[in-house]
Protein backbone atom coordinates (compact mmCIF):
# COMPACT_ATOMS: atom_id res chain seq x y z
CA MET A 1 -24.73 12.59 7.72
CA GLY A 2 -22.03 13.39 10.25
CA LEU A 3 -20.11 16.70 9.84
CA GLY A 4 -20.95 16.93 6.14
CA ILE A 5 -19.91 13.32 5.30
CA ARG A 6 -22.64 11.52 3.40
CA GLU A 7 -23.67 8.08 4.61
CA PRO A 8 -23.96 5.10 2.22
CA SER A 9 -27.39 3.68 1.46
CA PRO A 10 -28.25 1.09 2.58
CA SER A 11 -26.43 1.52 5.88
CA GLN A 12 -23.41 -0.76 6.28
CA HIS A 13 -20.13 -0.97 8.04
CA VAL A 14 -17.48 0.80 5.99
CA PRO A 15 -13.70 -0.07 6.33
CA GLY A 16 -11.92 2.73 8.17
CA THR A 17 -14.98 3.98 10.04
CA VAL A 18 -14.48 3.09 13.70
CA THR A 19 -15.77 3.98 17.13
CA LEU A 20 -12.78 5.74 18.59
CA TYR A 21 -14.02 6.57 22.09
CA GLU A 22 -15.75 4.83 24.92
CA SER A 23 -18.54 7.21 25.87
CA GLY A 24 -17.90 9.25 28.97
CA LEU A 25 -14.37 8.04 29.52
CA LEU A 26 -12.31 10.71 27.72
CA ALA A 27 -11.77 14.15 29.06
CA PRO A 28 -11.97 16.84 26.34
CA GLY A 29 -8.57 17.56 24.90
CA SER A 30 -6.95 14.38 26.23
CA ALA A 31 -4.01 13.12 24.18
CA VAL A 32 -2.58 9.68 24.74
CA GLU A 33 0.86 8.41 23.81
CA SER A 34 1.56 5.86 26.53
CA GLY A 35 1.22 2.82 24.30
CA THR A 36 -0.62 0.95 27.08
CA SER A 37 -4.24 0.09 27.37
CA GLY A 38 -7.17 -0.57 29.65
CA ILE A 39 -10.34 -2.49 29.10
CA THR A 40 -13.92 -1.37 28.71
CA SER A 41 -16.78 -3.46 27.35
CA GLY A 42 -14.30 -6.10 26.24
CA ARG A 43 -12.32 -3.69 24.05
CA LYS A 44 -8.82 -2.44 24.75
CA ARG A 45 -8.72 1.31 25.17
CA ASP A 46 -6.23 4.07 25.96
CA GLU A 47 -7.79 6.37 28.58
CA GLY A 48 -11.12 6.27 26.73
CA ILE A 49 -9.76 6.02 23.20
CA VAL A 50 -10.61 2.62 21.79
CA LEU A 51 -7.49 1.06 20.29
CA VAL A 52 -7.82 0.59 16.54
CA PRO A 53 -6.83 -2.03 15.55
CA GLN A 54 -7.18 -4.12 18.69
CA PRO A 55 -3.88 -5.69 19.80
CA SER A 56 -3.86 -9.44 20.13
CA ASP A 57 -2.86 -11.33 23.27
CA SER A 58 0.57 -12.25 21.87
CA VAL A 59 3.58 -10.73 23.59
CA ASN A 60 5.23 -10.51 20.15
CA ASP A 61 2.45 -8.48 18.53
CA PRO A 62 4.06 -5.18 17.44
CA LEU A 63 0.99 -3.37 18.73
CA ASN A 64 1.98 -4.63 22.21
CA TRP A 65 5.56 -3.37 21.95
CA PRO A 66 6.50 -0.62 24.40
CA LEU A 67 6.38 2.83 22.83
CA TRP A 68 10.15 3.30 22.90
CA LYS A 69 10.65 0.18 20.81
CA LYS A 70 8.04 1.28 18.29
CA ASP A 71 9.59 4.74 18.00
CA LEU A 72 13.15 3.33 17.72
CA THR A 73 12.02 1.05 14.91
CA LEU A 74 10.34 3.93 13.11
CA PHE A 75 13.29 6.29 13.65
CA THR A 76 15.65 3.69 12.16
CA ILE A 77 13.47 3.30 9.07
CA CYS A 78 13.01 7.09 8.71
CA PHE A 79 16.74 7.82 9.18
CA THR A 80 17.53 5.38 6.40
CA THR A 81 14.78 6.91 4.27
CA ALA A 82 16.23 10.39 4.85
CA VAL A 83 19.79 9.37 3.90
CA GLY A 84 18.58 7.52 0.87
CA GLY A 85 16.25 10.33 -0.15
CA ILE A 86 18.94 13.00 -0.28
CA VAL A 87 20.81 11.07 -2.99
CA GLY A 88 18.41 12.42 -5.61
CA PRO A 89 18.44 16.17 -4.82
CA ALA A 90 22.20 16.15 -4.26
CA LEU A 91 22.44 16.97 -7.97
CA ALA A 92 20.08 19.96 -7.89
CA PRO A 93 22.79 22.65 -7.47
CA VAL A 94 25.26 21.02 -9.89
CA ASN A 95 23.05 20.33 -12.93
CA GLY A 96 24.94 23.02 -14.85
CA VAL A 97 28.27 21.54 -13.85
CA LEU A 98 27.19 18.06 -14.97
CA VAL A 99 26.03 19.41 -18.36
CA GLU A 100 29.58 20.68 -18.99
CA GLU A 101 31.48 17.77 -17.41
CA PHE A 102 29.51 15.09 -19.26
CA ASN A 103 29.17 17.17 -22.41
CA THR A 104 25.40 16.64 -22.54
CA THR A 105 22.11 18.55 -22.26
CA TYR A 106 19.87 19.63 -19.38
CA THR A 107 17.31 17.08 -20.50
CA VAL A 108 19.78 14.22 -20.12
CA VAL A 109 20.87 15.55 -16.72
CA ALA A 110 17.18 15.72 -15.72
CA ASN A 111 16.92 12.05 -16.76
CA PHE A 112 19.57 11.24 -14.12
CA SER A 113 16.79 11.98 -11.65
CA GLY A 114 14.01 10.72 -13.86
CA TYR A 115 15.32 7.19 -14.21
CA GLN A 116 15.79 7.06 -10.48
CA PHE A 117 12.02 7.69 -10.13
CA PHE A 118 11.38 5.01 -12.74
CA ALA A 119 13.51 2.45 -10.93
CA SER A 120 11.99 3.37 -7.58
CA GLY A 121 8.48 2.86 -8.88
CA ALA A 122 9.35 -0.54 -10.39
CA ALA A 123 11.23 -1.66 -7.28
CA GLY A 124 8.38 -0.49 -5.04
CA LEU A 125 6.12 -3.00 -6.80
CA LEU A 126 8.54 -5.85 -6.21
CA CYS A 127 9.11 -4.79 -2.63
CA GLU A 128 5.36 -4.94 -1.98
CA VAL A 129 5.28 -8.54 -3.17
CA MET A 130 8.33 -9.63 -1.19
CA ALA A 131 7.16 -7.85 1.98
CA ARG A 132 3.81 -9.67 1.81
CA LEU A 133 5.61 -12.98 1.39
CA TRP A 134 8.66 -12.68 3.63
CA GLY A 135 8.07 -9.66 5.87
CA LYS A 136 9.44 -6.14 5.82
CA ARG A 137 12.71 -6.53 7.70
CA PRO A 138 14.69 -8.37 4.97
CA ILE A 139 13.35 -5.95 2.32
CA TYR A 140 14.49 -2.88 4.29
CA PHE A 141 17.90 -4.43 4.82
CA LEU A 142 18.45 -5.41 1.15
CA SER A 143 17.16 -2.04 -0.06
CA THR A 144 19.61 -0.19 2.18
CA ALA A 145 22.40 -2.35 0.74
CA PHE A 146 21.30 -1.40 -2.81
CA LEU A 147 21.28 2.28 -1.84
CA LEU A 148 24.80 1.98 -0.45
CA ALA A 149 26.11 0.19 -3.54
CA GLY A 150 24.50 2.74 -5.90
CA THR A 151 25.89 5.70 -3.95
CA VAL A 152 29.46 4.23 -3.91
CA TRP A 153 29.15 3.65 -7.67
CA ASN A 154 28.03 7.28 -8.22
CA ALA A 155 31.07 8.52 -6.30
CA MET A 156 33.36 6.53 -8.62
CA VAL A 157 31.84 7.51 -11.98
CA LYS A 158 34.36 8.96 -14.42
CA SER A 159 33.76 12.20 -16.34
CA GLY A 160 31.87 11.62 -19.54
CA ASP A 161 30.50 8.19 -18.47
CA VAL A 162 26.83 9.01 -18.89
CA GLY A 163 25.87 5.31 -18.88
CA GLY A 164 27.69 4.68 -15.62
CA PHE A 165 26.09 7.69 -14.01
CA MET A 166 22.66 6.55 -15.16
CA GLY A 167 23.32 2.97 -13.91
CA ALA A 168 24.25 4.27 -10.47
CA ARG A 169 21.08 6.34 -10.29
CA VAL A 170 18.97 3.37 -11.32
CA LEU A 171 20.51 1.22 -8.59
CA GLN A 172 19.81 3.97 -6.05
CA GLY A 173 16.19 4.02 -7.25
CA VAL A 174 15.94 0.24 -6.74
CA GLY A 175 17.07 0.72 -3.12
CA LEU A 176 14.73 3.66 -2.52
CA GLY A 177 11.58 1.79 -3.66
CA ALA A 178 10.96 0.07 -0.35
CA PHE A 179 11.22 3.31 1.60
CA GLU A 180 8.66 4.99 -0.62
CA THR A 181 6.30 2.00 -0.52
CA LEU A 182 6.42 0.22 2.83
CA VAL A 183 7.00 2.85 5.51
CA VAL A 184 3.40 4.06 5.83
CA SER A 185 2.29 0.43 6.01
CA SER A 186 4.88 -0.15 8.73
CA ILE A 187 3.38 2.70 10.72
CA GLY A 188 0.04 0.95 10.37
CA ASP A 189 1.63 -2.29 11.61
CA ILE A 190 2.94 -0.89 14.93
CA TYR A 191 0.77 2.16 15.78
CA PHE A 192 -2.91 2.70 16.50
CA VAL A 193 -5.11 5.05 14.45
CA HIS A 194 -4.88 7.92 16.93
CA GLN A 195 -1.04 7.72 16.95
CA ARG A 196 -0.35 7.52 13.21
CA GLY A 197 -0.76 11.14 12.02
CA LYS A 198 2.28 12.59 13.71
CA ARG A 199 4.41 9.54 12.74
CA ILE A 200 3.41 9.94 9.10
CA ALA A 201 4.32 13.65 9.42
CA PHE A 202 7.71 12.66 10.88
CA TYR A 203 8.31 10.28 7.98
CA ASN A 204 7.49 12.94 5.46
CA LEU A 205 9.70 15.46 7.20
CA LEU A 206 12.69 13.14 7.04
CA PHE A 207 11.94 11.86 3.55
CA LEU A 208 10.93 15.08 1.82
CA GLY A 209 12.25 17.71 4.25
CA THR A 210 15.82 16.52 4.03
CA THR A 211 15.62 16.49 0.26
CA TYR A 212 15.18 20.26 0.38
CA PHE A 213 17.94 20.71 2.98
CA MET A 214 20.49 18.65 1.04
CA PRO A 215 21.05 21.16 -1.80
CA VAL A 216 21.90 23.85 0.76
CA ILE A 217 25.03 21.92 1.77
CA ALA A 218 25.43 20.08 -1.54
CA GLY A 219 26.24 23.33 -3.38
CA TYR A 220 28.91 24.26 -0.82
CA ILE A 221 30.47 20.79 -0.82
CA SER A 222 30.49 20.71 -4.62
CA VAL A 223 32.25 24.06 -4.93
CA LYS A 224 34.85 23.24 -2.26
CA HIS A 225 35.44 19.53 -2.84
CA GLY A 226 33.68 18.52 -6.07
CA TRP A 227 30.27 16.90 -6.52
CA ARG A 228 31.60 13.37 -6.01
CA MET A 229 32.42 14.18 -2.36
CA GLN A 230 28.66 14.37 -1.67
CA PHE A 231 28.23 10.74 -2.60
CA LYS A 232 31.24 9.68 -0.53
CA ILE A 233 29.78 11.35 2.53
CA ILE A 234 26.29 9.89 1.91
CA SER A 235 27.89 6.46 1.51
CA GLY A 236 29.26 6.73 5.04
CA PHE A 237 25.87 7.60 6.45
CA LEU A 238 24.28 4.70 4.52
CA GLY A 239 26.82 2.34 6.07
CA VAL A 240 25.63 3.50 9.50
CA ALA A 241 22.01 3.10 8.36
CA LEU A 242 22.68 -0.45 7.24
CA LEU A 243 23.89 -1.34 10.75
CA MET A 244 20.90 0.45 12.33
CA VAL A 245 18.40 -1.51 10.20
CA PHE A 246 20.14 -4.77 11.16
CA PHE A 247 20.15 -4.06 14.91
CA PHE A 248 17.14 -1.80 15.52
CA CYS A 249 14.48 -2.73 12.95
CA PRO A 250 12.89 -6.02 14.02
CA GLU A 251 10.31 -7.76 11.90
CA HIS A 252 6.92 -6.11 12.47
CA ALA A 253 4.79 -8.03 9.98
CA PHE A 254 2.48 -9.96 12.23
CA VAL A 255 -0.37 -12.44 11.70
CA ARG A 256 -3.22 -11.08 13.81
CA GLY A 257 -6.66 -12.64 13.84
CA ARG A 258 -9.16 -10.73 11.73
CA LYS A 259 -11.43 -10.11 14.70
CA PHE A 260 -8.76 -7.73 16.03
CA GLU A 261 -8.55 -5.76 12.79
CA THR A 262 -11.53 -3.54 13.59
CA ASP A 263 -10.69 -1.08 10.80
CA PHE A 264 -10.84 -3.78 8.10
CA GLY A 265 -13.77 -4.66 5.86
CA SER A 266 -17.09 -6.02 7.00
CA GLY A 267 -16.18 -9.66 6.49
CA ASP A 268 -15.61 -10.61 10.09
CA SER A 269 -15.81 -7.48 12.14
CA SER A 270 -17.59 -4.22 12.49
CA SER A 271 -16.81 -0.81 13.91
CA THR A 272 -18.89 -1.59 16.97
CA SER A 273 -17.92 -5.21 17.44
CA VAL A 274 -16.72 -6.39 20.81
CA VAL A 275 -13.55 -8.35 21.18
CA GLU A 276 -13.68 -10.60 24.20
CA ARG A 277 -10.77 -9.99 26.50
CA PRO A 278 -9.67 -10.40 30.08
CA GLU A 279 -10.15 -7.56 32.53
CA SER A 280 -6.52 -6.45 32.52
CA VAL A 281 -3.71 -6.86 30.06
CA LYS A 282 0.00 -6.37 30.43
CA VAL A 283 1.28 -4.74 27.26
CA GLY A 284 4.96 -4.96 26.39
CA GLU A 285 6.94 -3.77 29.44
CA GLY A 286 4.15 -1.66 30.87
CA GLU A 287 0.94 -2.73 32.55
CA ALA A 288 -2.45 -1.11 32.05
CA LYS A 289 -5.04 -2.08 34.59
CA ALA A 290 -8.76 -1.65 34.82
CA THR A 291 -10.75 -3.56 37.40
CA GLY A 292 -10.56 -7.25 38.05
CA GLN A 293 -7.73 -9.75 38.07
CA SER A 294 -4.47 -9.26 36.26
CA THR A 295 -3.23 -11.45 33.50
CA SER A 296 -0.38 -11.34 31.00
CA VAL A 297 -0.23 -11.51 27.26
CA VAL A 298 0.57 -14.99 26.03
CA GLY A 299 3.47 -16.58 24.24
CA ILE A 300 7.25 -16.59 24.64
CA LYS A 301 8.81 -13.21 23.95
CA LYS A 302 11.49 -13.22 21.28
CA THR A 303 14.99 -12.50 22.49
CA PHE A 304 17.07 -9.69 20.96
CA LEU A 305 19.18 -12.26 19.09
CA GLN A 306 16.09 -13.95 17.68
CA GLU A 307 14.84 -10.58 16.44
CA LEU A 308 18.12 -10.14 14.48
CA ARG A 309 17.18 -12.93 12.06
CA LEU A 310 16.62 -11.48 8.59
CA TYR A 311 14.37 -14.35 7.52
CA ASN A 312 11.39 -15.13 9.76
CA GLY A 313 9.48 -17.53 7.45
CA ARG A 314 6.74 -16.97 4.93
CA PHE A 315 3.95 -14.61 5.92
CA SER A 316 1.43 -15.29 3.15
CA THR A 317 0.05 -18.27 1.27
CA ASP A 318 -0.51 -16.13 -1.83
CA GLY A 319 1.50 -16.63 -5.02
CA PHE A 320 4.09 -14.21 -6.36
CA TRP A 321 2.20 -13.26 -9.53
CA LYS A 322 -1.06 -12.63 -7.67
CA LEU A 323 0.65 -10.20 -5.36
CA LEU A 324 2.58 -8.61 -8.22
CA PHE A 325 -0.59 -7.64 -10.10
CA ALA A 326 -2.69 -6.68 -7.05
CA PRO A 327 -1.70 -2.98 -6.99
CA PHE A 328 -2.87 -2.25 -10.52
CA PRO A 329 -6.64 -2.60 -9.86
CA CYS A 330 -6.07 -0.40 -6.82
CA MET A 331 -5.37 2.46 -9.23
CA LEU A 332 -9.16 2.49 -9.84
CA TYR A 333 -10.02 3.16 -6.17
CA PRO A 334 -11.16 6.77 -5.59
CA ALA A 335 -8.69 7.14 -2.70
CA THR A 336 -5.80 6.21 -4.98
CA ILE A 337 -6.92 8.56 -7.74
CA TRP A 338 -7.29 11.47 -5.28
CA ALA A 339 -3.95 10.72 -3.57
CA PHE A 340 -2.16 10.72 -6.90
CA LEU A 341 -3.84 13.85 -8.22
CA PHE A 342 -3.42 15.79 -4.97
CA GLN A 343 0.01 14.60 -3.81
CA GLY A 344 1.62 13.34 -7.01
CA THR A 345 1.15 16.50 -8.98
CA PHE A 346 2.38 18.69 -6.13
CA VAL A 347 5.50 16.52 -5.72
CA THR A 348 6.09 16.63 -9.48
CA TRP A 349 5.80 20.39 -9.66
CA GLY A 350 8.31 20.59 -6.85
CA ILE A 351 10.61 18.28 -8.78
CA GLY A 352 10.07 20.47 -11.82
CA VAL A 353 11.17 23.51 -9.87
CA SER A 354 14.29 21.65 -8.81
CA VAL A 355 15.06 20.28 -12.27
CA VAL A 356 14.91 23.68 -13.99
CA LEU A 357 16.63 25.49 -11.15
CA ALA A 358 19.95 25.57 -12.96
CA GLN A 359 18.32 26.77 -16.17
CA ILE A 360 16.71 29.76 -14.48
CA PHE A 361 19.31 30.78 -11.89
CA SER A 362 22.45 30.18 -13.91
CA ALA A 363 21.17 32.62 -16.55
CA PRO A 364 20.57 36.38 -16.24
CA PRO A 365 19.46 38.09 -14.14
CA PHE A 366 20.81 35.75 -11.43
CA GLU A 367 23.92 33.98 -12.83
CA PHE A 368 24.39 31.82 -9.73
CA ASP A 369 27.16 29.25 -9.21
CA SER A 370 26.52 25.89 -7.51
CA GLU A 371 27.03 27.17 -3.98
CA GLN A 372 24.60 30.08 -4.49
CA MET A 373 22.01 27.79 -5.99
CA GLY A 374 22.15 25.66 -2.88
CA TYR A 375 21.18 28.63 -0.73
CA ILE A 376 17.86 28.89 -2.60
CA TYR A 377 16.84 25.74 -0.73
CA ALA A 378 17.12 27.46 2.68
CA ALA A 379 13.48 28.63 2.69
CA PRO A 380 12.13 25.29 1.39
CA THR A 381 13.90 23.61 4.29
CA ILE A 382 12.18 25.97 6.74
CA GLY A 383 8.91 25.33 4.94
CA ALA A 384 9.31 21.60 5.42
CA ILE A 385 9.96 22.05 9.16
CA LEU A 386 6.96 24.34 9.60
CA ALA A 387 4.79 21.81 7.75
CA TYR A 388 5.98 19.07 10.10
CA ILE A 389 5.20 21.20 13.15
CA LEU A 390 1.70 21.97 11.92
CA SER A 391 0.87 18.41 10.88
CA ASN A 392 2.44 16.97 14.02
CA PHE A 393 0.05 18.96 16.20
CA ALA A 394 -2.93 19.16 13.86
CA SER A 395 -3.25 15.86 11.98
CA ASP A 396 -4.22 13.60 14.90
CA SER A 397 -5.69 16.43 17.02
CA ILE A 398 -8.16 17.41 14.28
CA CYS A 399 -9.30 13.82 13.98
CA LEU A 400 -9.75 13.41 17.73
CA PHE A 401 -11.61 16.71 17.94
CA LEU A 402 -13.94 15.86 15.05
CA SER A 403 -14.53 12.34 16.32
CA ARG A 404 -15.77 13.67 19.66
CA ARG A 405 -18.30 15.77 17.71
CA ASN A 406 -19.28 12.92 15.42
CA ASN A 407 -20.86 10.69 18.07
CA LEU A 408 -17.37 9.41 19.06
CA VAL A 409 -16.90 7.90 15.54
CA TYR A 410 -13.76 8.47 13.51
CA GLU A 411 -13.92 8.85 9.70
CA PRO A 412 -10.74 8.81 7.54
CA GLU A 413 -12.13 11.84 5.63
CA PHE A 414 -11.20 13.97 8.67
CA ARG A 415 -7.62 13.80 7.36
CA ILE A 416 -8.67 15.87 4.30
CA PHE A 417 -8.92 19.06 6.39
CA LEU A 418 -5.17 19.50 5.76
CA VAL A 419 -6.09 20.46 2.20
CA ILE A 420 -7.01 23.94 3.46
CA PRO A 421 -3.45 25.13 4.33
CA VAL A 422 -2.19 23.39 1.19
CA LEU A 423 -4.53 25.49 -0.94
CA LEU A 424 -3.62 28.69 0.88
CA THR A 425 0.16 28.27 0.50
CA GLY A 426 0.98 25.94 -2.36
CA VAL A 427 -1.13 27.46 -5.11
CA PRO A 428 -0.04 31.11 -4.55
CA GLY A 429 3.54 29.95 -4.22
CA LEU A 430 3.44 28.13 -7.57
CA ILE A 431 1.83 31.02 -9.50
CA ALA A 432 4.07 33.71 -7.99
CA TYR A 433 7.23 31.61 -8.52
CA GLY A 434 6.97 32.08 -12.29
CA TYR A 435 6.88 35.84 -11.94
CA ALA A 436 9.64 36.00 -9.33
CA THR A 437 12.12 34.00 -11.45
CA THR A 438 11.65 36.12 -14.57
CA THR A 439 11.36 39.69 -13.25
CA PRO A 440 14.64 41.63 -13.25
CA GLY A 441 15.62 43.24 -9.96
CA ILE A 442 13.81 40.84 -7.63
CA HIS A 443 16.03 39.54 -4.87
CA TRP A 444 16.71 35.79 -5.00
CA ILE A 445 15.20 35.32 -1.55
CA VAL A 446 11.73 36.02 -3.01
CA PRO A 447 11.62 32.89 -5.25
CA SER A 448 13.26 30.98 -2.42
CA VAL A 449 10.42 31.91 -0.03
CA LEU A 450 7.85 31.05 -2.69
CA TYR A 451 9.58 27.68 -3.15
CA GLY A 452 9.30 27.32 0.65
CA MET A 453 5.55 27.85 0.42
CA LEU A 454 5.37 25.11 -2.18
CA THR A 455 7.46 22.81 0.01
CA PHE A 456 5.14 23.48 2.95
CA ALA A 457 2.23 22.40 0.78
CA VAL A 458 4.02 19.29 -0.55
CA ILE A 459 4.72 17.98 2.97
CA LEU A 460 1.14 18.54 4.12
CA SER A 461 -0.27 16.96 0.95
CA CYS A 462 1.78 13.82 1.60
CA VAL A 463 0.71 13.64 5.25
CA ALA A 464 -2.97 14.02 4.30
CA THR A 465 -2.94 11.47 1.46
CA TYR A 466 -0.82 8.83 3.20
CA ALA A 467 -2.89 9.03 6.36
CA TYR A 468 -6.18 8.89 4.42
CA VAL A 469 -5.20 5.92 2.31
CA LEU A 470 -3.81 4.03 5.34
CA ASP A 471 -6.89 4.63 7.49
CA ALA A 472 -9.47 4.13 4.72
CA HIS A 473 -7.98 0.92 3.25
CA ARG A 474 -5.50 -0.46 5.78
CA GLU A 475 -6.20 -4.08 4.77
CA ILE A 476 -4.73 -3.39 1.30
CA SER A 477 -2.68 -0.32 2.30
CA VAL A 478 0.56 -1.77 0.87
CA GLU A 479 -1.04 -2.33 -2.52
CA MET A 480 -2.64 1.12 -2.37
CA MET A 481 0.68 2.77 -1.57
CA VAL A 482 2.34 0.92 -4.45
CA ALA A 483 -0.42 2.11 -6.77
CA VAL A 484 0.09 5.72 -5.67
CA LEU A 485 3.90 5.34 -5.94
CA ILE A 486 3.73 3.92 -9.46
CA LEU A 487 1.40 6.67 -10.68
CA LYS A 488 3.41 9.41 -8.94
CA ASN A 489 6.91 8.22 -9.90
CA PHE A 490 6.09 7.40 -13.49
CA PHE A 491 4.38 10.80 -13.82
CA ALA A 492 7.49 12.43 -12.32
CA TRP A 493 9.75 10.37 -14.58
CA GLY A 494 7.81 11.41 -17.65
CA SER A 495 7.87 15.05 -16.56
CA THR A 496 11.69 15.11 -16.71
CA PHE A 497 11.44 14.62 -20.47
CA TYR A 498 9.26 17.64 -21.11
CA ILE A 499 9.47 20.17 -18.23
CA SER A 500 12.73 21.73 -19.37
CA ASN A 501 11.47 22.20 -22.93
CA TRP A 502 8.04 23.23 -21.66
CA ILE A 503 9.58 26.14 -19.78
CA VAL A 504 11.70 27.15 -22.73
CA ASP A 505 8.67 27.09 -25.10
CA TRP A 506 6.05 28.64 -22.83
CA GLY A 507 8.13 30.69 -20.39
CA ALA A 508 8.28 30.28 -16.65
CA VAL A 509 5.34 32.62 -15.95
CA ARG A 510 2.88 30.71 -18.11
CA VAL A 511 4.08 27.28 -17.00
CA PHE A 512 3.83 27.99 -13.28
CA GLN A 513 0.49 29.71 -13.75
CA THR A 514 -0.78 26.55 -15.42
CA MET A 515 0.57 24.41 -12.60
CA GLY A 516 -1.02 26.65 -9.99
CA ILE A 517 -4.45 26.62 -11.70
CA LEU A 518 -4.41 22.84 -12.04
CA GLN A 519 -3.46 22.47 -8.40
CA ALA A 520 -6.17 24.85 -7.27
CA VAL A 521 -8.83 22.81 -9.12
CA ILE A 522 -7.53 19.60 -7.53
CA CYS A 523 -7.61 21.16 -4.02
CA VAL A 524 -11.17 22.39 -4.47
CA CYS A 525 -12.28 18.99 -5.80
CA SER A 526 -10.92 17.43 -2.61
CA LEU A 527 -14.17 18.67 -1.07
CA LEU A 528 -15.94 15.99 -3.08
CA VAL A 529 -13.71 13.31 -1.52
CA TYR A 530 -14.57 14.62 1.94
CA VAL A 531 -18.33 14.66 1.27
CA TYR A 532 -18.63 11.44 -0.76
CA GLY A 533 -15.55 9.54 0.37
CA LYS A 534 -17.44 7.26 2.76
CA ILE A 535 -19.96 6.37 0.06
CA TRP A 536 -17.08 5.54 -2.33
CA ARG A 537 -15.44 3.42 0.35
CA ALA A 538 -18.67 1.54 0.87
CA LYS A 539 -19.08 0.98 -2.88
CA MET A 540 -15.57 -0.38 -3.21
CA GLU A 541 -16.18 -2.65 -0.22
CA ARG A 542 -19.31 -4.06 -1.89
CA LEU A 543 -17.64 -4.30 -5.27
CA GLN A 544 -14.67 -6.29 -3.84
CA LEU A 545 -12.69 -5.54 -6.97
CA LEU A 546 -9.52 -7.38 -5.91
CA ALA A 547 -11.50 -10.43 -4.82
CA ARG A 548 -13.48 -10.54 -8.11
CA LEU A 549 -10.17 -10.52 -10.02
CA GLY A 550 -8.67 -13.14 -7.67
CA LEU A 551 -6.01 -10.67 -6.53
CA LYS A 552 -7.04 -9.85 -2.98
CA PRO A 553 -4.28 -10.69 -0.45
CA GLY A 554 -5.42 -13.91 1.09
CA LYS A 555 -4.82 -15.95 4.19
CA MET A 556 -1.73 -15.15 6.19
CA ARG A 557 0.48 -17.75 7.77
CA GLU A 558 -0.89 -19.06 11.04
């Protein structure tokens, strides 16, 4: 039992458990970001860190891309995610205005966001299928086009046209689905295990962090120029994003032999297996040398113009319906259940805070207008940035530190240590928020800071869960992410029907106390995932649930 993690019995290789270091080759505290590799015992390594997964010998393998190309691809995807993500919270400071302009209720206005979650969850499922079949590049491009169309439509909606407003939000949700579902899998496609944590943190900063920053400027824009101006501005940025995806997001779905996927199941590889390789390998544009003769990766490198093709052939021999239903059994995996309970509830409570913001702060004792409501999001924005800074330095570093003390073996459960700061900030922030928003005489900055504590926890919870699911089940990471997305988004969608009335019936203090207690229980129960997670991974590997149901993603195109 290494570092409190229980071992399965009988002993077996478990997906996600990998030997991360070559013994004696890594100086304590080393951190590697070069993107190049050397060779030891037949395995590619990065100054002592064994590369997981092992890159193939193909020059077009995304794992062999130079680091600048990987980071440019990820930045393009994350930029588009950020611009698309701010479409939802753009309404947060103007909910009261929309109630009056469209002559409706707060529940209906909440549904403007709720149906976007619904559409995003449904679209995420379809995007998973299409990405498996035809790669991720065309899905990202089409999704960005849907986001652009939905935002332009929103900017043109006439007063009182509730159906038109709802339709625009649904179209935006359709476009957002891919960026909620595929990005973490894309990170797994182009980065090694020891490089993923800070990239997942960056993705969450741009996706969730910008959603908290948007209301700060959205309130000001709405007061000065009307709420439609927000969507006109966002449309311009989405136009830029569409061009960026076309030029700077090459296809990174790649058919790599299973022997290279050392973090997959036990079918053809093991955590200690040796991949036969030459003594030196040239990777991308850089060369990493050990001892012996030099050789180059094989194949003809794609030109820039070739990489601009939106369609690069079929990537899977599986059928559409098989891939469509594959995520649903994944909802039974312990990792999926924990990710939903830990991350999904936190995100939903944050959405709940945003949805009822107008109800609380437009009434006494605050009586805020749209611009003032936007300022409440200043502290949440800072909280998101602080969470990114912490996770950027801690997520991968903790894993490397613990791996060195675990006989050089990495376990995905090391990612769960981020639960500690989540428990210490998110739970107190939730409970105190109820008191701060209902006590006369308290300055508005107090609930804003408490909201910032919640935001800090939300970002860290997403980093921890995404990284854990990706590392523990990378072979089916797309299906797992879709399962988490469906559970999370449909839970958030359902919450928009009852949160407003829940607060009216129970009062803010009691509601946020309940949320805080539930979240505390979930955080404490995460200890069970840390201790028994490897056993559960082993059991799911032996069970082969997807394979038994005939739904496991099959042979990729050769």
